[in-house]
C-alpha atoms as a PDB file:
ATOM      1  CA  MET A   1      88.404 226.164  49.782  1.00  0.00           C
ATOM      2  CA  THR A   2      90.498 222.508  50.163  1.00  0.00           C
ATOM      3  CA  GLU A   3      87.892 219.653  51.816  1.00  0.00           C
ATOM      4  CA  TYR A   4      89.689 218.426  55.077  1.00  0.00           C
ATOM      5  CA  ARG A   5      91.191 214.881  54.544  1.00  0.00           C
ATOM      6  CA  PRO A   6      92.611 213.377  57.725  1.00  0.00           C
ATOM      7  CA  PRO A   7      96.281 212.279  56.840  1.00  0.00           C
ATOM      8  CA  PHE A   8      96.547 208.476  56.268  1.00  0.00           C
ATOM      9  CA  THR A   9      97.814 205.640  53.880  1.00  0.00           C
ATOM     10  CA  ILE A  10      95.474 202.542  53.147  1.00  0.00           C
ATOM     11  CA  THR A  11      98.258 199.547  53.690  1.00  0.00           C
ATOM     12  CA  ASN A  12      98.526 195.661  52.471  1.00  0.00           C
ATOM     13  CA  GLU A  13      97.938 195.282  56.335  1.00  0.00           C
ATOM     14  CA  ILE A  14      94.764 197.145  56.493  1.00  0.00           C
ATOM     15  CA  LEU A  15      93.525 195.864  53.544  1.00  0.00           C
ATOM     16  CA  SER A  16      94.109 192.365  54.684  1.00  0.00           C
ATOM     17  CA  ASN A  17      92.851 193.100  58.282  1.00  0.00           C
ATOM     18  CA  VAL A  18      88.837 194.286  56.779  1.00  0.00           C
ATOM     19  CA  SER A  19      88.893 191.074  54.718  1.00  0.00           C
ATOM     20  CA  SER A  20      89.469 188.827  57.722  1.00  0.00           C
ATOM     21  CA  ILE A  21      87.158 191.075  59.663  1.00  0.00           C
ATOM     22  CA  SER A  22      84.890 190.719  57.063  1.00  0.00           C
ATOM     23  CA  GLU A  23      84.917 187.458  56.721  1.00  0.00           C
ATOM     24  CA  LYS A  24      84.315 186.660  60.191  1.00  0.00           C
ATOM     25  CA  ILE A  25      81.388 188.838  60.648  1.00  0.00           C
ATOM     26  CA  GLY A  26      79.733 186.648  57.468  1.00  0.00           C
ATOM     27  CA  CYS A  27      80.711 183.406  59.472  1.00  0.00           C
ATOM     28  CA  ILE A  28      79.660 184.688  62.966  1.00  0.00           C
ATOM     29  CA  THR A  29      76.109 186.074  61.750  1.00  0.00           C
ATOM     30  CA  ALA A  30      75.659 182.357  59.859  1.00  0.00           C
ATOM     31  CA  ILE A  31      76.373 180.554  62.848  1.00  0.00           C
ATOM     32  CA  SER A  32      74.076 182.479  65.234  1.00  0.00           C
ATOM     33  CA  SER A  33      71.873 185.781  65.826  1.00  0.00           C
ATOM     34  CA  LEU A  34      74.322 187.557  68.127  1.00  0.00           C
ATOM     35  CA  GLU A  35      71.475 189.560  68.672  1.00  0.00           C
ATOM     36  CA  ALA A  36      68.878 187.406  69.869  1.00  0.00           C
ATOM     37  CA  LYS A  37      71.115 186.063  72.432  1.00  0.00           C
ATOM     38  CA  PRO A  38      70.083 188.607  75.805  1.00  0.00           C
ATOM     39  CA  HIS A  39      72.515 186.518  78.295  1.00  0.00           C
ATOM     40  CA  LEU A  40      75.451 187.302  75.478  1.00  0.00           C
ATOM     41  CA  ARG A  41      74.558 190.749  74.446  1.00  0.00           C
ATOM     42  CA  LYS A  42      74.531 191.825  78.227  1.00  0.00           C
ATOM     43  CA  ASN A  43      77.635 190.350  79.069  1.00  0.00           C
ATOM     44  CA  ASN A  44      79.177 191.712  76.137  1.00  0.00           C
ATOM     45  CA  ARG A  45      78.281 195.026  76.677  1.00  0.00           C
ATOM     46  CA  ILE A  46      79.261 194.814  80.629  1.00  0.00           C
ATOM     47  CA  LYS A  47      82.755 193.837  79.655  1.00  0.00           C
ATOM     48  CA  SER A  48      82.586 197.059  76.984  1.00  0.00           C
ATOM     49  CA  ILE A  49      82.069 199.521  79.964  1.00  0.00           C
ATOM     50  CA  HIS A  50      84.342 197.723  82.320  1.00  0.00           C
ATOM     51  CA  SER A  51      87.259 197.782  80.398  1.00  0.00           C
ATOM     52  CA  SER A  52      86.433 201.204  78.645  1.00  0.00           C
ATOM     53  CA  LEU A  53      86.135 202.630  82.051  1.00  0.00           C
ATOM     54  CA  LYS A  54      89.152 200.696  83.309  1.00  0.00           C
ATOM     55  CA  ILE A  55      91.547 201.950  80.450  1.00  0.00           C
ATOM     56  CA  GLU A  56      90.702 205.389  82.032  1.00  0.00           C
ATOM     57  CA  ALA A  57      91.737 204.088  85.958  1.00  0.00           C
ATOM     58  CA  ASN A  58      88.432 203.448  86.995  1.00  0.00           C
ATOM     59  CA  SER A  59      89.270 200.864  89.998  1.00  0.00           C
ATOM     60  CA  LEU A  60      85.770 198.817  89.831  1.00  0.00           C
ATOM     61  CA  THR A  61      85.768 194.994  89.102  1.00  0.00           C
ATOM     62  CA  LEU A  62      84.197 193.566  86.610  1.00  0.00           C
ATOM     63  CA  GLY A  63      81.676 191.960  89.327  1.00  0.00           C
ATOM     64  CA  GLN A  64      81.065 195.220  91.055  1.00  0.00           C
ATOM     65  CA  VAL A  65      80.388 196.887  87.740  1.00  0.00           C
ATOM     66  CA  ARG A  66      77.589 194.013  86.898  1.00  0.00           C
ATOM     67  CA  ASP A  67      76.597 194.677  90.066  1.00  0.00           C
ATOM     68  CA  VAL A  68      76.230 198.239  89.373  1.00  0.00           C
ATOM     69  CA  ILE A  69      74.340 197.561  86.217  1.00  0.00           C
ATOM     70  CA  ASN A  70      71.872 195.307  88.220  1.00  0.00           C
ATOM     71  CA  GLY A  71      71.062 197.737  90.397  1.00  0.00           C
ATOM     72  CA  LYS A  72      72.800 196.408  93.564  1.00  0.00           C
ATOM     73  CA  THR A  73      74.588 198.032  96.337  1.00  0.00           C
ATOM     74  CA  VAL A  74      78.356 198.736  95.736  1.00  0.00           C
ATOM     75  CA  LEU A  75      80.661 199.778  97.945  1.00  0.00           C
ATOM     76  CA  GLY A  76      83.190 202.438  96.312  1.00  0.00           C
ATOM     77  CA  GLU A  77      84.219 205.653  95.223  1.00  0.00           C
ATOM     78  CA  LYS A  78      80.967 207.551  94.009  1.00  0.00           C
ATOM     79  CA  LYS A  79      82.368 208.986  91.155  1.00  0.00           C
ATOM     80  CA  GLU A  80      83.232 205.608  89.752  1.00  0.00           C
ATOM     81  CA  ILE A  81      79.980 204.119  90.128  1.00  0.00           C
ATOM     82  CA  GLN A  82      78.503 207.313  88.466  1.00  0.00           C
ATOM     83  CA  GLU A  83      81.168 206.621  85.444  1.00  0.00           C
ATOM     84  CA  VAL A  84      79.447 202.969  85.303  1.00  0.00           C
ATOM     85  CA  LYS A  85      76.126 204.494  85.475  1.00  0.00           C
ATOM     86  CA  ASN A  86      76.642 206.662  82.812  1.00  0.00           C
ATOM     87  CA  ALA A  87      78.388 204.575  80.724  1.00  0.00           C
ATOM     88  CA  TYR A  88      75.797 201.985  80.669  1.00  0.00           C
ATOM     89  CA  THR A  89      73.316 204.510  79.989  1.00  0.00           C
ATOM     90  CA  ALA A  90      74.925 205.630  77.071  1.00  0.00           C
ATOM     91  CA  TYR A  91      75.465 202.255  75.827  1.00  0.00           C
ATOM     92  CA  GLU A  92      71.881 201.298  76.505  1.00  0.00           C
ATOM     93  CA  GLN A  93      71.308 203.988  73.391  1.00  0.00           C
ATOM     94  CA  LEU A  94      73.969 203.195  71.009  1.00  0.00           C
ATOM     95  CA  SER A  95      71.486 202.083  68.485  1.00  0.00           C
ATOM     96  CA  GLU A  96      69.987 205.702  68.710  1.00  0.00           C
ATOM     97  CA  ILE A  97      73.384 207.246  67.690  1.00  0.00           C
ATOM     98  CA  ASP A  98      73.871 209.151  64.584  1.00  0.00           C
ATOM     99  CA  PRO A  99      77.731 209.309  64.730  1.00  0.00           C
ATOM    100  CA  TYR A 100      77.696 211.251  62.005  1.00  0.00           C
ATOM    101  CA  ASN A 101      75.852 214.247  63.502  1.00  0.00           C
ATOM    102  CA  ILE A 102      77.782 216.071  65.816  1.00  0.00           C
ATOM    103  CA  VAL A 103      74.963 217.497  67.883  1.00  0.00           C
ATOM    104  CA  HIS A 104      74.790 213.539  68.919  1.00  0.00           C
ATOM    105  CA  LEU A 105      78.249 213.495  69.916  1.00  0.00           C
ATOM    106  CA  LYS A 106      77.853 216.546  72.324  1.00  0.00           C
ATOM    107  CA  LYS A 107      74.368 214.781  73.922  1.00  0.00           C
ATOM    108  CA  PHE A 108      76.391 211.732  74.412  1.00  0.00           C
ATOM    109  CA  HIS A 109      79.307 213.132  75.927  1.00  0.00           C
ATOM    110  CA  GLY A 110      76.386 214.928  78.424  1.00  0.00           C
ATOM    111  CA  ILE A 111      75.106 211.575  79.603  1.00  0.00           C
ATOM    112  CA  MET A 112      78.511 209.703  79.726  1.00  0.00           C
ATOM    113  CA  THR A 113      79.972 212.665  81.896  1.00  0.00           C
ATOM    114  CA  LYS A 114      76.745 213.283  84.060  1.00  0.00           C
ATOM    115  CA  TYR A 115      77.383 214.703  87.630  1.00  0.00           C
ATOM    116  CA  LEU A 116      80.927 214.481  86.728  1.00  0.00           C
ATOM    117  CA  VAL A 117      81.835 217.269  84.598  1.00  0.00           C
ATOM    118  CA  GLU A 118      81.355 220.862  84.896  1.00  0.00           C
ATOM    119  CA  GLU A 119      81.129 221.526  80.890  1.00  0.00           C
ATOM    120  CA  SER A 120      79.402 218.007  80.301  1.00  0.00           C
ATOM    121  CA  GLY A 121      78.033 218.153  77.084  1.00  0.00           C
ATOM    122  CA  GLU A 122      79.925 221.060  75.771  1.00  0.00           C
ATOM    123  CA  PHE A 123      83.654 221.259  74.018  1.00  0.00           C
ATOM    124  CA  ARG A 124      86.617 222.656  76.182  1.00  0.00           C
ATOM    125  CA  LEU A 125      86.957 225.723  76.991  1.00  0.00           C
ATOM    126  CA  GLY A 126      90.867 225.621  78.702  1.00  0.00           C
ATOM    127  CA  GLU A 127      93.937 223.993  77.425  1.00  0.00           C
ATOM    128  CA  GLU A 128      94.684 219.844  77.761  1.00  0.00           C
ATOM    129  CA  GLY A 129      97.545 218.086  77.229  1.00  0.00           C
ATOM    130  CA  VAL A 130      98.809 214.685  78.293  1.00  0.00           C
ATOM    131  CA  PHE A 131     101.539 213.992  81.313  1.00  0.00           C
ATOM    132  CA  ASP A 132     103.903 211.577  82.075  1.00  0.00           C
ATOM    133  CA  GLY A 133     104.340 212.857  85.599  1.00  0.00           C
ATOM    134  CA  ASP A 134     105.524 216.497  85.197  1.00  0.00           C
ATOM    135  CA  GLN A 135     106.428 215.941  81.742  1.00  0.00           C
ATOM    136  CA  CYS A 136     103.997 217.341  79.121  1.00  0.00           C
ATOM    137  CA  ILE A 137     104.303 214.056  76.355  1.00  0.00           C
ATOM    138  CA  PHE A 138     101.280 215.582  74.068  1.00  0.00           C
ATOM    139  CA  MET A 139      99.674 218.895  73.936  1.00  0.00           C
ATOM    140  CA  ALA A 140      96.362 219.117  72.608  1.00  0.00           C
ATOM    141  CA  PRO A 141      95.488 221.696  70.027  1.00  0.00           C
ATOM    142  CA  PRO A 142      94.261 225.237  71.730  1.00  0.00           C
ATOM    143  CA  ALA A 143      90.650 225.104  72.533  1.00  0.00           C
ATOM    144  CA  ARG A 144      89.628 227.790  70.433  1.00  0.00           C
ATOM    145  CA  PHE A 145      90.577 225.510  67.487  1.00  0.00           C
ATOM    146  CA  VAL A 146      88.274 222.440  68.830  1.00  0.00           C
ATOM    147  CA  PRO A 147      85.039 223.649  67.467  1.00  0.00           C
ATOM    148  CA  GLN A 148      86.276 223.873  63.582  1.00  0.00           C
ATOM    149  CA  LEU A 149      88.347 221.079  63.514  1.00  0.00           C
ATOM    150  CA  MET A 150      85.367 219.056  65.067  1.00  0.00           C
ATOM    151  CA  ARG A 151      83.247 220.302  62.453  1.00  0.00           C
ATOM    152  CA  GLU A 152      86.091 219.289  59.830  1.00  0.00           C
ATOM    153  CA  LEU A 153      86.367 216.164  61.053  1.00  0.00           C
ATOM    154  CA  PHE A 154      82.723 215.355  60.938  1.00  0.00           C
ATOM    155  CA  ASP A 155      82.171 217.167  57.375  1.00  0.00           C
ATOM    156  CA  TRP A 156      85.123 214.527  55.937  1.00  0.00           C
ATOM    157  CA  MET A 157      83.252 211.934  57.939  1.00  0.00           C
ATOM    158  CA  LYS A 158      79.658 212.512  56.224  1.00  0.00           C
ATOM    159  CA  MET A 159      81.534 213.019  52.979  1.00  0.00           C
ATOM    160  CA  ALA A 160      84.090 209.675  52.895  1.00  0.00           C
ATOM    161  CA  GLN A 161      81.193 207.130  54.089  1.00  0.00           C
ATOM    162  CA  GLY A 162      80.643 206.132  51.001  1.00  0.00           C
ATOM    163  CA  ASP A 163      83.876 205.302  49.592  1.00  0.00           C
ATOM    164  CA  ILE A 164      85.879 204.752  52.763  1.00  0.00           C
ATOM    165  CA  HIS A 165      85.568 201.190  54.646  1.00  0.00           C
ATOM    166  CA  PRO A 166      83.510 201.954  58.023  1.00  0.00           C
ATOM    167  CA  LEU A 167      86.466 199.802  59.717  1.00  0.00           C
ATOM    168  CA  ILE A 168      88.815 201.944  57.983  1.00  0.00           C
ATOM    169  CA  LEU A 169      86.525 205.266  58.913  1.00  0.00           C
ATOM    170  CA  GLY A 170      85.838 204.199  61.953  1.00  0.00           C
ATOM    171  CA  SER A 171      90.072 203.933  62.947  1.00  0.00           C
ATOM    172  CA  VAL A 172      90.262 207.126  61.610  1.00  0.00           C
ATOM    173  CA  PHE A 173      87.437 209.054  63.548  1.00  0.00           C
ATOM    174  CA  HIS A 174      88.982 207.556  66.850  1.00  0.00           C
ATOM    175  CA  TYR A 175      92.480 208.725  66.378  1.00  0.00           C
ATOM    176  CA  GLU A 176      91.483 212.182  65.336  1.00  0.00           C
ATOM    177  CA  PHE A 177      89.078 212.250  67.564  1.00  0.00           C
ATOM    178  CA  VAL A 178      92.009 211.586  70.612  1.00  0.00           C
ATOM    179  CA  PHE A 179      94.324 213.965  68.955  1.00  0.00           C
ATOM    180  CA  ILE A 180      91.821 217.141  68.946  1.00  0.00           C
ATOM    181  CA  HIS A 181      90.788 216.024  72.687  1.00  0.00           C
ATOM    182  CA  PRO A 182      87.704 218.062  72.103  1.00  0.00           C
ATOM    183  CA  PHE A 183      86.246 217.576  75.862  1.00  0.00           C
ATOM    184  CA  SER A 184      87.971 218.004  79.083  1.00  0.00           C
ATOM    185  CA  ASP A 185      87.231 214.913  80.106  1.00  0.00           C
ATOM    186  CA  GLY A 186      85.776 211.641  78.909  1.00  0.00           C
ATOM    187  CA  ASN A 187      87.734 211.680  75.725  1.00  0.00           C
ATOM    188  CA  GLY A 188      88.675 208.286  75.708  1.00  0.00           C
ATOM    189  CA  ARG A 189      85.350 206.870  76.854  1.00  0.00           C
ATOM    190  CA  MET A 190      83.642 208.877  74.115  1.00  0.00           C
ATOM    191  CA  ALA A 191      86.520 207.942  71.380  1.00  0.00           C
ATOM    192  CA  ARG A 192      86.129 204.183  72.023  1.00  0.00           C
ATOM    193  CA  LEU A 193      81.988 204.740  71.956  1.00  0.00           C
ATOM    194  CA  TRP A 194      81.619 206.506  68.895  1.00  0.00           C
ATOM    195  CA  HIS A 195      84.337 204.226  67.311  1.00  0.00           C
ATOM    196  CA  THR A 196      81.513 201.340  67.924  1.00  0.00           C
ATOM    197  CA  ALA A 197      78.962 203.722  67.163  1.00  0.00           C
ATOM    198  CA  ILE A 198      80.395 204.149  63.552  1.00  0.00           C
ATOM    199  CA  LEU A 199      80.703 200.179  63.262  1.00  0.00           C
ATOM    200  CA  SER A 200      77.232 199.449  64.714  1.00  0.00           C
ATOM    201  CA  LYS A 201      75.769 201.516  61.755  1.00  0.00           C
ATOM    202  CA  TRP A 202      77.687 198.906  59.427  1.00  0.00           C
ATOM    203  CA  LYS A 203      76.867 196.217  60.787  1.00  0.00           C
ATOM    204  CA  PRO A 204      74.504 196.070  63.942  1.00  0.00           C
ATOM    205  CA  ILE A 205      76.406 192.878  65.621  1.00  0.00           C
ATOM    206  CA  PHE A 206      78.976 195.502  66.663  1.00  0.00           C
ATOM    207  CA  GLU A 207      76.878 196.837  69.344  1.00  0.00           C
ATOM    208  CA  TYR A 208      77.360 193.590  71.217  1.00  0.00           C
ATOM    209  CA  ILE A 209      81.183 192.956  70.511  1.00  0.00           C
ATOM    210  CA  PRO A 210      83.429 193.822  73.351  1.00  0.00           C
ATOM    211  CA  ILE A 211      86.340 195.680  71.330  1.00  0.00           C
ATOM    212  CA  GLU A 212      87.048 197.911  74.554  1.00  0.00           C
ATOM    213  CA  SER A 213      88.201 194.468  76.415  1.00  0.00           C
ATOM    214  CA  GLN A 214      90.346 193.789  73.399  1.00  0.00           C
ATOM    215  CA  ILE A 215      92.117 197.517  73.873  1.00  0.00           C
ATOM    216  CA  GLU A 216      92.350 196.961  77.811  1.00  0.00           C
ATOM    217  CA  LYS A 217      94.293 193.754  77.352  1.00  0.00           C
ATOM    218  CA  PHE A 218      96.961 195.679  75.154  1.00  0.00           C
ATOM    219  CA  GLN A 219      96.450 199.169  76.657  1.00  0.00           C
ATOM    220  CA  ASN A 220     100.015 199.875  76.474  1.00  0.00           C
ATOM    221  CA  GLU A 221     100.493 199.428  72.640  1.00  0.00           C
ATOM    222  CA  TYR A 222      97.075 201.297  72.057  1.00  0.00           C
ATOM    223  CA  TYR A 223      98.966 204.513  73.789  1.00  0.00           C
ATOM    224  CA  GLU A 224     101.816 203.664  71.693  1.00  0.00           C
ATOM    225  CA  ALA A 225     100.042 203.157  68.134  1.00  0.00           C
ATOM    226  CA  ILE A 226      98.627 206.988  69.235  1.00  0.00           C
ATOM    227  CA  ALA A 227     101.947 208.208  70.466  1.00  0.00           C
ATOM    228  CA  LYS A 228     103.489 206.981  67.293  1.00  0.00           C
ATOM    229  CA  CYS A 229     100.882 208.750  64.794  1.00  0.00           C
ATOM    230  CA  HIS A 230     101.336 212.001  66.966  1.00  0.00           C
ATOM    231  CA  VAL A 231     105.094 211.761  65.909  1.00  0.00           C
ATOM    232  CA  VAL A 232     104.739 210.954  62.105  1.00  0.00           C
ATOM    233  CA  GLY A 233     101.499 212.908  61.860  1.00  0.00           C
ATOM    234  CA  GLU A 234      99.084 210.341  60.712  1.00  0.00           C
ATOM    235  CA  SER A 235      97.105 207.538  61.620  1.00  0.00           C
ATOM    236  CA  THR A 236      98.151 204.616  59.521  1.00  0.00           C
ATOM    237  CA  ILE A 237      99.633 202.901  62.462  1.00  0.00           C
ATOM    238  CA  PHE A 238      96.545 203.342  65.000  1.00  0.00           C
ATOM    239  CA  ILE A 239      94.564 202.005  61.777  1.00  0.00           C
ATOM    240  CA  GLU A 240      96.721 198.573  61.518  1.00  0.00           C
ATOM    241  CA  PHE A 241      96.761 198.654  65.575  1.00  0.00           C
ATOM    242  CA  MET A 242      92.508 198.694  65.635  1.00  0.00           C
ATOM    243  CA  LEU A 243      91.964 196.311  63.215  1.00  0.00           C
ATOM    244  CA  GLN A 244      94.197 194.129  64.590  1.00  0.00           C
ATOM    245  CA  GLN A 245      92.465 194.294  67.530  1.00  0.00           C
ATOM    246  CA  ILE A 246      89.126 194.079  66.230  1.00  0.00           C
ATOM    247  CA  ASP A 247      90.141 190.808  64.058  1.00  0.00           C
ATOM    248  CA  LYS A 248      91.077 189.277  67.684  1.00  0.00           C
ATOM    249  CA  ILE A 249      88.412 189.861  69.351  1.00  0.00           C
ATOM    250  CA  LEU A 250      86.110 188.233  66.735  1.00  0.00           C
ATOM    251  CA  ASP A 251      87.927 185.156  67.139  1.00  0.00           C
ATOM    252  CA  ASP A 252      86.950 185.311  70.718  1.00  0.00           C
ATOM    253  CA  ILE A 253      83.306 185.767  69.702  1.00  0.00           C
ATOM    254  CA  PHE A 254      83.127 182.797  67.996  1.00  0.00           C
ATOM    255  CA  VAL A 255      84.790 181.004  71.293  1.00  0.00           C
ATOM    256  CA  GLN A 256      81.369 182.671  73.494  1.00  0.00           C
ATOM    257  CA  LEU A 257      79.049 180.834  70.336  1.00  0.00           C
ATOM    258  CA  ARG A 258      80.637 177.699  70.470  1.00  0.00           C
ATOM    259  CA  GLY A 259      78.362 177.468  73.604  1.00  0.00           C
ATOM    260  CA  GLU A 260      75.147 178.069  71.704  1.00  0.00           C
ATOM    261  CA  ASN A 261      76.280 175.374  68.754  1.00  0.00           C
ATOM    262  CA  GLU A 262      73.757 173.101  67.973  1.00  0.00           C
ATOM    263  CA  HIS A 263      75.584 170.174  67.790  1.00  0.00           C
ATOM    264  CA  LEU A 264      76.308 170.349  71.576  1.00  0.00           C
ATOM    265  CA  PRO A 265      74.830 167.896  74.010  1.00  0.00           C
ATOM    266  CA  GLU A 266      71.120 169.570  74.806  1.00  0.00           C
ATOM    267  CA  ALA A 267      71.964 168.771  78.876  1.00  0.00           C
ATOM    268  CA  VAL A 268      75.850 170.800  78.124  1.00  0.00           C
ATOM    269  CA  LYS A 269      73.116 173.629  76.147  1.00  0.00           C
ATOM    270  CA  LYS A 270      70.708 173.716  79.473  1.00  0.00           C
ATOM    271  CA  LEU A 271      73.685 174.724  81.529  1.00  0.00           C
ATOM    272  CA  LEU A 272      75.387 176.952  79.186  1.00  0.00           C
ATOM    273  CA  GLU A 273      71.685 179.135  79.103  1.00  0.00           C
ATOM    274  CA  VAL A 274      71.434 179.465  83.097  1.00  0.00           C
ATOM    275  CA  MET A 275      75.033 180.658  83.502  1.00  0.00           C
ATOM    276  CA  GLU A 276      76.567 183.812  82.930  1.00  0.00           C
ATOM    277  CA  TYR A 277      79.608 184.764  81.659  1.00  0.00           C
ATOM    278  CA  ASP A 278      82.722 185.168  84.292  1.00  0.00           C
ATOM    279  CA  ILE A 279      80.115 184.465  87.192  1.00  0.00           C
ATOM    280  CA  PRO A 280      81.077 181.699  89.713  1.00  0.00           C
ATOM    281  CA  TYR A 281      78.363 179.132  90.558  1.00  0.00           C
ATOM    282  CA  THR A 282      78.311 176.569  92.959  1.00  0.00           C
ATOM    283  CA  SER A 283      77.282 172.831  91.750  1.00  0.00           C
ATOM    284  CA  ARG A 284      74.111 173.302  94.106  1.00  0.00           C
ATOM    285  CA  GLU A 285      73.240 177.054  92.599  1.00  0.00           C
ATOM    286  CA  LEU A 286      73.421 175.069  88.882  1.00  0.00           C
ATOM    287  CA  MET A 287      71.401 172.397  89.801  1.00  0.00           C
ATOM    288  CA  GLU A 288      69.159 174.736  91.371  1.00  0.00           C
ATOM    289  CA  LYS A 289      68.545 176.754  88.331  1.00  0.00           C
ATOM    290  CA  LEU A 290      68.076 173.529  86.134  1.00  0.00           C
ATOM    291  CA  GLU A 291      65.551 172.088  88.881  1.00  0.00           C
ATOM    292  CA  LEU A 292      67.787 168.869  88.991  1.00  0.00           C
ATOM    293  CA  LYS A 293      68.006 166.545  91.893  1.00  0.00           C
ATOM    294  CA  SER A 294      70.295 164.220  91.337  1.00  0.00           C
ATOM    295  CA  ARG A 295      73.808 165.071  91.812  1.00  0.00           C
ATOM    296  CA  GLU A 296      75.590 162.349  90.119  1.00  0.00           C
ATOM    297  CA  GLY A 297      73.230 162.940  87.106  1.00  0.00           C
ATOM    298  CA  PHE A 298      74.389 166.744  86.857  1.00  0.00           C
ATOM    299  CA  ARG A 299      77.824 165.796  87.160  1.00  0.00           C
ATOM    300  CA  ARG A 300      77.680 163.188  84.653  1.00  0.00           C
ATOM    301  CA  ASN A 301      75.167 164.533  81.692  1.00  0.00           C
ATOM    302  CA  TYR A 302      75.751 168.667  82.585  1.00  0.00           C
ATOM    303  CA  LEU A 303      78.964 169.451  84.045  1.00  0.00           C
ATOM    304  CA  HIS A 304      81.491 167.150  83.049  1.00  0.00           C
ATOM    305  CA  PRO A 305      80.700 166.891  79.513  1.00  0.00           C
ATOM    306  CA  ALA A 306      80.553 170.886  79.504  1.00  0.00           C
ATOM    307  CA  VAL A 307      84.196 171.384  81.186  1.00  0.00           C
ATOM    308  CA  LYS A 308      85.811 168.396  78.949  1.00  0.00           C
ATOM    309  CA  LEU A 309      84.690 170.696  75.833  1.00  0.00           C
ATOM    310  CA  ASN A 310      86.449 173.409  77.831  1.00  0.00           C
ATOM    311  CA  LEU A 311      83.015 175.658  78.048  1.00  0.00           C
ATOM    312  CA  VAL A 312      83.337 175.751  81.394  1.00  0.00           C
ATOM    313  CA  ARG A 313      86.102 176.464  84.168  1.00  0.00           C
ATOM    314  CA  LEU A 314      86.780 175.292  87.609  1.00  0.00           C
ATOM    315  CA  THR A 315      87.939 177.648  89.937  1.00  0.00           C
ATOM    316  CA  VAL A 316      90.142 175.733  91.764  1.00  0.00           C
ATOM    317  CA  PRO A 317      90.831 173.261  89.153  1.00  0.00           C
ATOM    318  CA  ASP A 318      93.819 171.385  90.928  1.00  0.00           C
ATOM    319  CA  LYS A 319      91.063 170.106  93.598  1.00  0.00           C
ATOM    320  CA  PRO A 320      88.022 169.266  91.508  1.00  0.00           C
ATOM    321  CA  ASN A 321      86.469 167.874  94.863  1.00  0.00           C
ATOM    322  CA  SER A 322      87.214 171.065  96.986  1.00  0.00           C
ATOM    323  CA  ARG A 323      84.021 172.389  99.510  1.00  0.00           C
ATOM    324  CA  ASN A 324      85.249 175.657  97.448  1.00  0.00           C
ATOM    325  CA  GLN A 325      84.765 174.977  94.189  1.00  0.00           C
ATOM    326  CA  ARG A 326      82.888 177.114  92.137  1.00  0.00           C
ATOM    327  CA  TYR A 327      82.073 176.857  88.023  1.00  0.00           C
ATOM    328  CA  VAL A 328      82.959 179.867  85.522  1.00  0.00           C
ATOM    329  CA  LYS A 329      81.180 179.751  82.041  1.00  0.00           C
ATOM    330  CA  ILE A 330      83.951 180.836  79.617  1.00  0.00           C
END
């Protein structure tokens, strides 16, 4: 019996992106240990969860997602809040995933869809399609074929992991998984989680790189790439798209790590250490965190240099002295 191989072509663009990503990962690792920065890790994980759920129409804001994860009361739909809790539980166990184990896939689908889906942790029994209004634009393979298709996909991954670069393998899996649509719900979330798990086994730093947030920025292009692959019958276009997005998100990580650069003034480094990303702070709150008394000293030594270096932004940039002014780490 011929072994199954998902159809795709390794193009020059794919090879170029693999080379660029590998080089950037090496540079990021040399600059700083991302794994050793808990604030950065947690913020990136929250971004991953918020973006992955937003792609699936979860309406909670980034701040609300952060509050749910931090155990605060959030006014919102019970289902959406549960989606956040489930996703956080799954992402927190990311390092425990064996991405080549189909039993792990079902287990983590059970975590991701707990209390939300009747067939949680099990392959779908019914037929699934993607609709644009009343028009079916894609029909997934019949449910009776799902177990066989998933076995073939995982068998191929196990066989190919030593020969095909993880960056390519992860993208192929992502597309094939979406095509098979093995679960009644949660397929997009699981595809993105598993893609990250595959990359994390190659380079653990990927646990803390929010690829999902980059996909969410280019959500239309993401679905267009998938649709084009459905038409041509292979995943090359999707591989190229995903590698482009991974390459771009690594540029953002460079910006994040600038705030940790040892060449920054000590006062600026201290300011950045007490700030979480995307959280607006008043000057009084920041002074309290830094245990400072002098407002002038705070502005001169801490705040103004950070703003000048484009590491902190003003929420009311046109009115620097506004009573409503807040400061956000970027």
